[in-house]
Amino acid sequence: MKVLLPLLILASSLQSADVQGWTQESPREEIRPQFGSAGENTLVIAHDQREGLDGWFQKGFEVKGGGFYRFQVKRKTSGVVNLRQSCLVRILWQGADGKGVPLDAAPEYILPNLPMPSAEPEYPTDGTTDAEGWTTVSGVYHAPSKAVKATVELHLQWAPGGRVEWRDAEFATTEVPAPRKVRLATVHHKPSGKSPRENCEEFAPLIAEAAQKKAGLVVLGETVPTASAGVKSLKTEDTAEPIPGPSTEYFAALAKQHRLHIVLSLYEKEAHLIYNTAVLLGPDGTLIGKYRKVSLPPGEAAKGIAPGKDYPVFDTAFGKVGMMVCYDGFFPEVARELTKNGAEVIAWPVWGCNPLLAQARACENHVFVISSTFMKPEDGWMYSAIYDQGGRPIAKGEKWGTVVVAEVDLNQAYYGPYNLGDFHSMIARHRPPVPSGK
């Protein structure tokens, strides 16, 4: 009775779940939750206090291969601890035989000896939540050419005592999404000036070159104003400056002059603290935002540099940009936190790092990473490069004083072989929980 009583209470509070063709599914009867409805177009799944219950509403929609479709549903929950894993939506593409289908063509980055990637499930993303607690979950998807049906699943899993309501689910044809192309640039240059101002001025012609190459975002190196032998002898506290301040105002003017975004790092002074801070400047000359380096190497900590605490991501005209600085790249947590917060591009001013870690940070998060370093390419210890979502360097600075550019489409998902699918959209649903404060 300890198990049956909660189920009886739940059953008495729910109406029949026969709503517009949605079926009730569960992997096994022993972990089946309670299904029901709460009025027209509202589906309900409820769990008792047992661990591991798992079930979903399911419905198939006819599709035309090659077409674009928009899915949207509203979700309200109570008693659910881990929304991103417990309350997911999954969309599966199926062929005429009821089985899965392959992608239309293997992306050029898939090695020829690997199998054709399958069209893996899609995972719509959580959007805004209204005043009544309803969260919109949505996405736009390209049906594989061999697909004839899309099966939509509305889940509640692993949520003891939890309840979810799914309302007004829609799956319909939509317009072809416009590409979101942007030209990403990195500068491979180590300043040689004798003052912070001279250091900054050395980048002016390189930023102009990036503009000539139609770059939308250009990334410079770490602590640009003080990265030269002539300035290194000065104490950090004597060269650190406020933000906004002289250096950011100088580069903001260049960003406005050339109508592009600029990222660089510098030592920031605020009250009694000094940070190694990356700034994002907009094409109108505004300071869009800043990120304070979280991971400090022993040398910086010994100089009294303070660590940052947050992982902000900023909206730009072309997409969402996050930043990290040098030593951050040695740790997967920084790029992952930025990705969790929505970053599509991570700008990385970096003095030096293992280039394999640059590839890893891009590949493990399926984001574009732009590094700008002061290391010689021949040393094999970090490159000024643009890494694609699979971790490949698609543009690399081979000589000092050069600007390299790569055009990317932020609306083009990266698909891996075997069962990865669009891994960037899956991270939110599948990554393991992290113990708080550890």
Protein backbone atom coordinates (compact mmCIF):
# COMPACT_ATOMS: atom_id res chain seq x y z
CA MET A 1 0.00 0.00 0.00
CA LYS A 2 2.94 2.37 0.48
CA VAL A 3 3.44 2.33 -3.29
CA LEU A 4 -0.16 2.10 -4.43
CA LEU A 5 -1.57 4.88 -2.24
CA PRO A 6 0.31 7.74 -3.91
CA LEU A 7 -0.70 6.39 -7.31
CA LEU A 8 -4.36 6.26 -6.25
CA ILE A 9 -4.19 9.86 -5.05
CA LEU A 10 -2.60 10.98 -8.32
CA ALA A 11 -5.14 9.05 -10.38
CA SER A 12 -8.04 10.69 -8.59
CA SER A 13 -6.73 14.17 -9.46
CA LEU A 14 -6.25 13.57 -13.20
CA GLN A 15 -8.71 13.27 -16.05
CA SER A 16 -8.45 10.75 -18.87
CA ALA A 17 -5.35 11.29 -21.00
CA ASP A 18 -7.02 10.62 -24.37
CA VAL A 19 -6.20 14.00 -25.91
CA GLN A 20 -5.94 14.42 -29.68
CA GLY A 21 -4.13 11.20 -30.44
CA TRP A 22 -1.34 11.35 -27.86
CA THR A 23 -0.40 7.94 -26.50
CA GLN A 24 1.14 7.15 -23.11
CA GLU A 25 4.53 5.44 -23.16
CA SER A 26 7.05 4.08 -20.70
CA PRO A 27 10.17 1.91 -21.08
CA ARG A 28 8.86 -0.64 -18.55
CA GLU A 29 5.57 -1.06 -16.71
CA GLU A 30 7.26 -1.08 -13.30
CA ILE A 31 8.56 2.48 -13.78
CA ARG A 32 5.44 3.81 -15.50
CA PRO A 33 4.20 7.17 -14.08
CA GLN A 34 0.62 8.41 -13.90
CA PHE A 35 -0.80 10.02 -17.07
CA GLY A 36 -3.79 12.29 -17.40
CA SER A 37 -5.06 15.64 -18.64
CA ALA A 38 -6.02 18.96 -17.10
CA GLY A 39 -8.44 20.33 -19.63
CA GLU A 40 -8.36 20.65 -23.41
CA ASN A 41 -4.88 20.50 -24.99
CA THR A 42 -3.16 20.03 -21.62
CA LEU A 43 -1.37 16.75 -20.90
CA VAL A 44 -0.17 15.81 -17.42
CA ILE A 45 2.44 13.35 -16.16
CA ALA A 46 2.91 12.84 -12.43
CA HIS A 47 5.40 10.78 -10.41
CA ASP A 48 5.00 9.34 -6.94
CA GLN A 49 7.96 9.38 -4.56
CA ARG A 50 9.78 6.42 -6.11
CA GLU A 51 13.11 6.99 -7.86
CA GLY A 52 13.55 6.37 -11.57
CA LEU A 53 10.01 6.66 -12.94
CA ASP A 54 10.00 7.46 -16.65
CA GLY A 55 7.21 8.11 -19.14
CA TRP A 56 6.13 10.33 -21.99
CA PHE A 57 3.25 11.34 -24.24
CA GLN A 58 3.88 10.48 -27.87
CA LYS A 59 2.36 11.52 -31.18
CA GLY A 60 3.42 11.15 -34.82
CA PHE A 61 3.22 13.92 -37.42
CA GLU A 62 3.52 13.42 -41.18
CA VAL A 63 6.43 15.26 -42.75
CA LYS A 64 7.81 15.80 -46.22
CA GLY A 65 11.49 14.99 -46.47
CA GLY A 66 13.60 18.08 -46.98
CA GLY A 67 11.01 20.42 -45.49
CA PHE A 68 11.43 22.69 -42.47
CA TYR A 69 9.25 22.34 -39.40
CA ARG A 70 8.67 24.33 -36.27
CA PHE A 71 7.77 22.67 -32.96
CA GLN A 72 6.44 24.51 -29.93
CA VAL A 73 4.85 23.53 -26.63
CA LYS A 74 4.27 25.19 -23.26
CA ARG A 75 5.38 23.50 -20.05
CA LYS A 76 4.58 24.03 -16.36
CA THR A 77 6.09 21.98 -13.56
CA SER A 78 5.90 21.45 -9.83
CA GLY A 79 8.19 19.44 -7.59
CA VAL A 80 10.76 18.86 -10.36
CA VAL A 81 14.35 19.44 -9.27
CA ASN A 82 16.27 18.99 -12.55
CA LEU A 83 14.12 20.55 -15.27
CA ARG A 84 16.65 20.25 -18.07
CA GLN A 85 16.92 16.45 -17.74
CA SER A 86 13.52 15.51 -16.35
CA CYS A 87 11.25 17.59 -18.60
CA LEU A 88 12.67 17.22 -22.07
CA VAL A 89 11.06 17.07 -25.49
CA ARG A 90 12.44 14.66 -28.07
CA ILE A 91 11.67 14.55 -31.81
CA LEU A 92 12.56 11.42 -33.78
CA TRP A 93 12.71 11.20 -37.58
CA GLN A 94 11.33 8.00 -39.11
CA GLY A 95 11.18 6.52 -42.59
CA ALA A 96 8.45 4.59 -44.37
CA ASP A 97 9.51 1.41 -42.57
CA GLY A 98 9.04 3.04 -39.18
CA LYS A 99 12.76 3.00 -38.48
CA GLY A 100 15.29 5.80 -38.23
CA VAL A 101 16.78 7.49 -41.28
CA PRO A 102 20.30 8.68 -42.19
CA LEU A 103 21.40 12.22 -42.82
CA ASP A 104 21.11 13.25 -46.45
CA ALA A 105 24.88 13.34 -46.92
CA ALA A 106 27.89 12.84 -44.72
CA PRO A 107 29.41 16.23 -43.77
CA GLU A 108 32.81 16.76 -45.34
CA TYR A 109 34.51 16.58 -41.95
CA ILE A 110 33.34 12.96 -41.43
CA LEU A 111 36.19 10.61 -42.39
CA PRO A 112 35.32 8.37 -45.36
CA ASN A 113 35.84 5.14 -43.39
CA LEU A 114 33.14 6.08 -40.87
CA PRO A 115 29.47 5.22 -41.46
CA MET A 116 26.90 7.68 -42.73
CA PRO A 117 25.65 9.55 -39.63
CA SER A 118 22.08 8.78 -38.66
CA ALA A 119 19.51 11.51 -38.19
CA GLU A 120 19.49 11.50 -34.42
CA PRO A 121 16.68 12.92 -32.26
CA GLU A 122 16.22 16.65 -31.92
CA TYR A 123 15.93 18.31 -28.51
CA PRO A 124 13.91 21.56 -28.49
CA THR A 125 15.26 24.21 -26.14
CA ASP A 126 13.69 26.02 -23.22
CA GLY A 127 12.75 29.63 -23.83
CA THR A 128 11.06 32.30 -21.76
CA THR A 129 8.71 31.65 -18.83
CA ASP A 130 5.59 33.79 -18.45
CA ALA A 131 4.07 35.20 -15.26
CA GLU A 132 1.90 32.10 -14.81
CA GLY A 133 4.88 29.76 -14.91
CA TRP A 134 4.51 28.43 -18.46
CA THR A 135 7.85 27.92 -20.25
CA THR A 136 7.93 27.85 -24.06
CA VAL A 137 9.94 24.93 -25.47
CA SER A 138 10.60 25.19 -29.20
CA GLY A 139 12.86 24.65 -32.19
CA VAL A 140 13.03 24.73 -36.00
CA TYR A 141 14.25 21.60 -37.78
CA HIS A 142 15.14 20.33 -41.25
CA ALA A 143 13.54 16.98 -41.98
CA PRO A 144 15.93 14.45 -43.58
CA SER A 145 14.96 13.64 -47.16
CA LYS A 146 14.00 10.03 -46.31
CA ALA A 147 11.79 10.99 -43.35
CA VAL A 148 8.03 10.58 -43.63
CA LYS A 149 7.14 11.03 -39.97
CA ALA A 150 8.32 12.97 -36.94
CA THR A 151 7.47 11.39 -33.59
CA VAL A 152 7.23 13.92 -30.77
CA GLU A 153 7.79 12.82 -27.17
CA LEU A 154 6.86 14.95 -24.12
CA HIS A 155 8.74 13.52 -21.14
CA LEU A 156 8.85 13.42 -17.38
CA GLN A 157 11.68 11.26 -16.10
CA TRP A 158 13.64 10.83 -12.84
CA ALA A 159 11.54 13.29 -10.81
CA PRO A 160 10.22 11.76 -7.56
CA GLY A 161 7.11 13.67 -6.48
CA GLY A 162 7.22 15.79 -9.63
CA ARG A 163 4.51 16.81 -12.04
CA VAL A 164 4.57 18.37 -15.52
CA GLU A 165 1.84 19.86 -17.68
CA TRP A 166 2.34 20.09 -21.44
CA ARG A 167 -0.03 22.49 -23.22
CA ASP A 168 -0.79 23.51 -26.82
CA ALA A 169 1.80 21.35 -28.60
CA GLU A 170 2.23 22.36 -32.25
CA PHE A 171 4.24 20.80 -35.08
CA ALA A 172 3.89 22.54 -38.44
CA THR A 173 5.72 23.54 -41.60
CA THR A 174 7.70 26.77 -41.50
CA GLU A 175 9.88 28.96 -43.68
CA VAL A 176 13.46 28.04 -44.42
CA PRO A 177 15.60 29.77 -41.75
CA ALA A 178 17.95 32.41 -43.08
CA PRO A 179 21.65 31.64 -42.63
CA ARG A 180 23.47 33.41 -39.80
CA LYS A 181 26.83 33.87 -41.40
CA VAL A 182 29.63 35.77 -39.72
CA ARG A 183 33.29 36.20 -40.55
CA LEU A 184 35.42 35.44 -37.51
CA ALA A 185 38.98 36.80 -37.35
CA THR A 186 42.05 36.39 -35.19
CA VAL A 187 45.16 38.55 -35.08
CA HIS A 188 48.55 36.92 -34.66
CA HIS A 189 50.69 39.73 -33.31
CA LYS A 190 52.79 40.31 -30.19
CA PRO A 191 53.13 44.04 -29.49
CA SER A 192 56.58 45.52 -29.07
CA GLY A 193 55.72 49.03 -27.87
CA LYS A 194 57.29 50.77 -24.90
CA SER A 195 54.02 51.92 -23.35
CA PRO A 196 50.46 50.64 -23.04
CA ARG A 197 49.31 53.18 -25.61
CA GLU A 198 51.98 52.16 -28.14
CA ASN A 199 51.04 48.53 -27.66
CA CYS A 200 47.44 49.31 -28.49
CA GLU A 201 48.33 51.42 -31.50
CA GLU A 202 50.23 48.55 -33.12
CA PHE A 203 46.92 46.73 -33.58
CA ALA A 204 45.23 49.55 -35.51
CA PRO A 205 46.40 48.49 -39.00
CA LEU A 206 45.62 44.85 -38.24
CA ILE A 207 42.08 45.72 -37.21
CA ALA A 208 41.76 47.75 -40.41
CA GLU A 209 42.90 44.67 -42.35
CA ALA A 210 40.30 42.55 -40.57
CA ALA A 211 37.66 45.08 -41.62
CA GLN A 212 38.88 44.93 -45.23
CA LYS A 213 38.37 41.16 -45.04
CA LYS A 214 34.81 41.85 -43.85
CA ALA A 215 35.30 40.40 -40.38
CA GLY A 216 32.38 40.70 -37.97
CA LEU A 217 34.44 39.79 -34.90
CA VAL A 218 38.19 40.10 -34.42
CA VAL A 219 40.04 38.69 -31.40
CA LEU A 220 43.31 40.11 -30.04
CA GLY A 221 45.69 38.71 -27.44
CA GLU A 222 45.93 38.60 -23.66
CA THR A 223 46.75 41.76 -21.63
CA VAL A 224 47.39 43.68 -24.83
CA PRO A 225 48.43 47.01 -23.24
CA THR A 226 51.17 45.38 -21.14
CA ALA A 227 52.31 42.49 -23.35
CA SER A 228 55.76 43.72 -24.35
CA ALA A 229 59.23 43.82 -22.89
CA GLY A 230 59.08 47.58 -22.56
CA VAL A 231 56.08 47.45 -20.23
CA LYS A 232 56.74 44.22 -18.37
CA SER A 233 59.10 45.92 -15.95
CA LEU A 234 56.22 48.01 -14.63
CA LYS A 235 54.14 46.71 -11.75
CA THR A 236 50.70 45.40 -12.62
CA GLU A 237 49.05 47.80 -10.19
CA ASP A 238 50.68 50.71 -12.03
CA THR A 239 49.37 49.67 -15.45
CA ALA A 240 45.95 48.30 -14.56
CA GLU A 241 43.15 50.63 -15.60
CA PRO A 242 39.41 51.01 -15.15
CA ILE A 243 36.90 49.70 -17.68
CA PRO A 244 35.83 51.82 -19.48
CA GLY A 245 39.28 53.40 -19.54
CA PRO A 246 42.04 54.55 -21.92
CA SER A 247 42.63 51.21 -23.66
CA THR A 248 39.02 50.18 -24.02
CA GLU A 249 38.12 53.65 -25.30
CA TYR A 250 40.91 53.42 -27.88
CA PHE A 251 39.73 50.07 -29.22
CA ALA A 252 36.08 51.11 -28.98
CA ALA A 253 36.86 53.95 -31.39
CA LEU A 254 38.48 51.46 -33.78
CA ALA A 255 35.50 49.13 -33.49
CA LYS A 256 33.17 52.00 -34.36
CA GLN A 257 35.40 53.24 -37.19
CA HIS A 258 35.52 49.82 -38.85
CA ARG A 259 32.04 48.62 -37.83
CA LEU A 260 33.08 45.35 -36.22
CA HIS A 261 33.32 43.63 -32.84
CA ILE A 262 36.65 43.49 -30.99
CA VAL A 263 37.72 41.27 -28.09
CA LEU A 264 40.94 41.73 -26.11
CA SER A 265 42.21 41.24 -22.57
CA LEU A 266 43.76 43.79 -20.21
CA TYR A 267 44.39 44.25 -16.50
CA GLU A 268 41.39 45.96 -14.95
CA LYS A 269 41.51 48.02 -11.74
CA GLU A 270 38.34 48.33 -9.68
CA ALA A 271 38.62 49.75 -6.17
CA HIS A 272 41.36 47.75 -4.44
CA LEU A 273 41.15 44.76 -6.83
CA ILE A 274 42.85 43.92 -10.11
CA TYR A 275 41.44 41.43 -12.63
CA ASN A 276 42.59 39.99 -15.94
CA THR A 277 39.54 41.01 -17.94
CA ALA A 278 38.39 40.30 -21.49
CA VAL A 279 36.15 42.94 -23.05
CA LEU A 280 33.72 42.75 -25.96
CA LEU A 281 33.35 46.00 -27.90
CA GLY A 282 30.54 46.55 -30.39
CA PRO A 283 30.53 48.02 -33.91
CA ASP A 284 28.90 51.17 -32.54
CA GLY A 285 31.77 51.69 -30.11
CA THR A 286 29.91 50.52 -27.03
CA LEU A 287 31.25 48.21 -24.35
CA ILE A 288 28.93 45.22 -24.77
CA GLY A 289 30.35 43.35 -21.80
CA LYS A 290 33.34 42.00 -19.93
CA TYR A 291 34.52 38.70 -18.45
CA ARG A 292 36.96 38.42 -15.57
CA LYS A 293 39.38 35.51 -15.83
CA VAL A 294 38.26 32.79 -13.43
CA SER A 295 41.23 30.39 -13.59
CA LEU A 296 44.40 32.09 -12.37
CA PRO A 297 47.85 30.52 -12.81
CA PRO A 298 50.18 30.73 -9.79
CA GLY A 299 52.09 33.67 -11.28
CA GLU A 300 49.03 35.90 -11.50
CA ALA A 301 47.72 34.85 -8.11
CA ALA A 302 51.12 35.68 -6.59
CA LYS A 303 50.84 39.22 -7.99
CA GLY A 304 47.55 39.76 -6.19
CA ILE A 305 45.29 39.35 -9.21
CA ALA A 306 41.73 38.47 -8.17
CA PRO A 307 39.71 35.75 -9.90
CA GLY A 308 36.37 36.37 -11.54
CA LYS A 309 33.26 34.45 -10.55
CA ASP A 310 30.81 34.64 -13.42
CA TYR A 311 30.47 33.27 -16.96
CA PRO A 312 28.52 35.92 -18.86
CA VAL A 313 27.42 35.47 -22.46
CA PHE A 314 26.51 38.47 -24.61
CA ASP A 315 24.06 38.99 -27.45
CA THR A 316 25.51 40.50 -30.61
CA ALA A 317 24.08 41.23 -34.04
CA PHE A 318 25.26 37.81 -35.28
CA GLY A 319 24.91 35.56 -32.23
CA LYS A 320 25.86 34.84 -28.63
CA VAL A 321 29.50 35.40 -27.63
CA GLY A 322 31.33 34.23 -24.53
CA MET A 323 34.93 34.95 -23.54
CA MET A 324 37.66 33.17 -21.63
CA VAL A 325 41.30 34.11 -20.99
CA CYS A 326 44.48 32.02 -21.28
CA TYR A 327 44.68 29.60 -18.28
CA ASP A 328 40.89 29.14 -18.47
CA GLY A 329 41.51 26.89 -21.45
CA PHE A 330 43.28 24.28 -19.32
CA PHE A 331 40.00 23.50 -17.57
CA PRO A 332 36.83 22.19 -19.24
CA GLU A 333 34.55 23.92 -16.75
CA VAL A 334 34.96 27.45 -18.15
CA ALA A 335 34.04 26.70 -21.76
CA ARG A 336 31.25 24.40 -20.57
CA GLU A 337 29.75 27.09 -18.32
CA LEU A 338 29.84 29.54 -21.22
CA THR A 339 28.17 26.96 -23.46
CA LYS A 340 25.52 26.27 -20.80
CA ASN A 341 24.81 30.00 -20.78
CA GLY A 342 24.23 30.00 -24.53
CA ALA A 343 27.60 30.80 -26.14
CA GLU A 344 27.86 29.93 -29.83
CA VAL A 345 31.29 31.55 -30.20
CA ILE A 346 34.00 31.71 -27.52
CA ALA A 347 36.66 34.41 -27.96
CA TRP A 348 39.92 33.43 -26.26
CA PRO A 349 42.82 35.86 -25.73
CA VAL A 350 45.56 33.43 -24.66
CA TRP A 351 49.29 33.90 -24.05
CA GLY A 352 50.00 30.20 -24.45
CA CYS A 353 48.31 26.83 -24.02
CA ASN A 354 48.35 23.29 -25.33
CA PRO A 355 46.66 23.52 -28.76
CA LEU A 356 45.02 20.14 -28.15
CA LEU A 357 43.02 21.83 -25.41
CA ALA A 358 41.82 24.46 -27.88
CA GLN A 359 40.51 21.66 -30.05
CA ALA A 360 38.97 19.94 -27.04
CA ARG A 361 37.14 23.05 -25.80
CA ALA A 362 35.59 23.53 -29.25
CA CYS A 363 34.80 19.84 -29.85
CA GLU A 364 33.40 18.95 -26.44
CA ASN A 365 30.95 21.87 -26.59
CA HIS A 366 30.40 22.07 -30.36
CA VAL A 367 31.12 25.80 -30.38
CA PHE A 368 33.45 27.98 -32.43
CA VAL A 369 36.59 29.01 -30.54
CA ILE A 370 38.80 31.92 -31.64
CA SER A 371 42.25 32.06 -30.05
CA SER A 372 44.80 34.86 -30.32
CA THR A 373 48.21 34.02 -28.88
CA PHE A 374 51.72 35.40 -28.49
CA MET A 375 53.39 32.03 -29.18
CA LYS A 376 55.35 31.19 -32.33
CA PRO A 377 53.49 28.66 -34.51
CA GLU A 378 56.66 26.63 -34.99
CA ASP A 379 56.85 26.05 -31.24
CA GLY A 380 53.64 24.00 -31.37
CA TRP A 381 52.40 25.58 -28.15
CA MET A 382 49.14 27.37 -29.04
CA TYR A 383 48.12 29.04 -32.27
CA SER A 384 46.17 32.08 -33.28
CA ALA A 385 43.36 30.18 -34.93
CA ILE A 386 39.67 29.69 -35.50
CA TYR A 387 38.40 26.26 -34.45
CA ASP A 388 35.12 24.90 -35.77
CA GLN A 389 32.49 23.02 -33.78
CA GLY A 390 34.33 19.75 -34.29
CA GLY A 391 37.62 21.14 -33.02
CA ARG A 392 39.31 21.57 -36.40
CA PRO A 393 41.46 24.70 -36.96
CA ILE A 394 39.83 26.11 -40.10
CA ALA A 395 42.07 29.20 -40.20
CA LYS A 396 45.46 29.65 -38.56
CA GLY A 397 47.94 32.54 -38.30
CA GLU A 398 51.30 31.24 -39.52
CA LYS A 399 53.32 34.47 -39.35
CA TRP A 400 53.60 37.47 -37.05
CA GLY A 401 51.48 40.46 -37.97
CA THR A 402 48.84 38.50 -39.84
CA VAL A 403 45.04 38.42 -39.75
CA VAL A 404 43.17 35.25 -40.67
CA VAL A 405 39.43 35.01 -41.25
CA ALA A 406 36.90 32.19 -41.55
CA GLU A 407 33.26 32.53 -42.51
CA VAL A 408 30.87 30.34 -40.51
CA ASP A 409 27.11 29.85 -40.35
CA LEU A 410 25.82 29.78 -36.79
CA ASN A 411 22.55 28.28 -38.01
CA GLN A 412 24.36 25.25 -39.42
CA ALA A 413 24.45 22.50 -36.81
CA TYR A 414 27.47 20.23 -36.51
CA TYR A 415 26.66 16.52 -36.83
CA GLY A 416 29.08 13.87 -35.67
CA PRO A 417 29.27 10.22 -36.70
CA TYR A 418 27.44 7.34 -35.07
CA ASN A 419 24.86 8.59 -32.53
CA LEU A 420 26.05 12.10 -31.58
CA GLY A 421 23.59 14.11 -33.64
CA ASP A 422 23.50 17.87 -32.98
CA PHE A 423 25.50 17.54 -29.77
CA HIS A 424 25.44 21.27 -29.01
CA SER A 425 21.67 21.12 -28.49
CA MET A 426 21.99 17.89 -26.49
CA ILE A 427 24.44 19.20 -23.88
CA ALA A 428 21.74 20.89 -21.83
CA ARG A 429 19.67 17.71 -21.66
CA HIS A 430 22.39 15.11 -21.29
CA ARG A 431 25.29 16.56 -19.30
CA PRO A 432 25.58 15.10 -15.79
CA PRO A 433 24.55 17.12 -12.74
CA VAL A 434 27.41 18.91 -10.99
CA PRO A 435 27.43 18.94 -7.17
CA SER A 436 26.75 22.48 -6.03
CA GLY A 437 29.74 24.38 -4.69
CA LYS A 438 32.31 21.70 -5.51
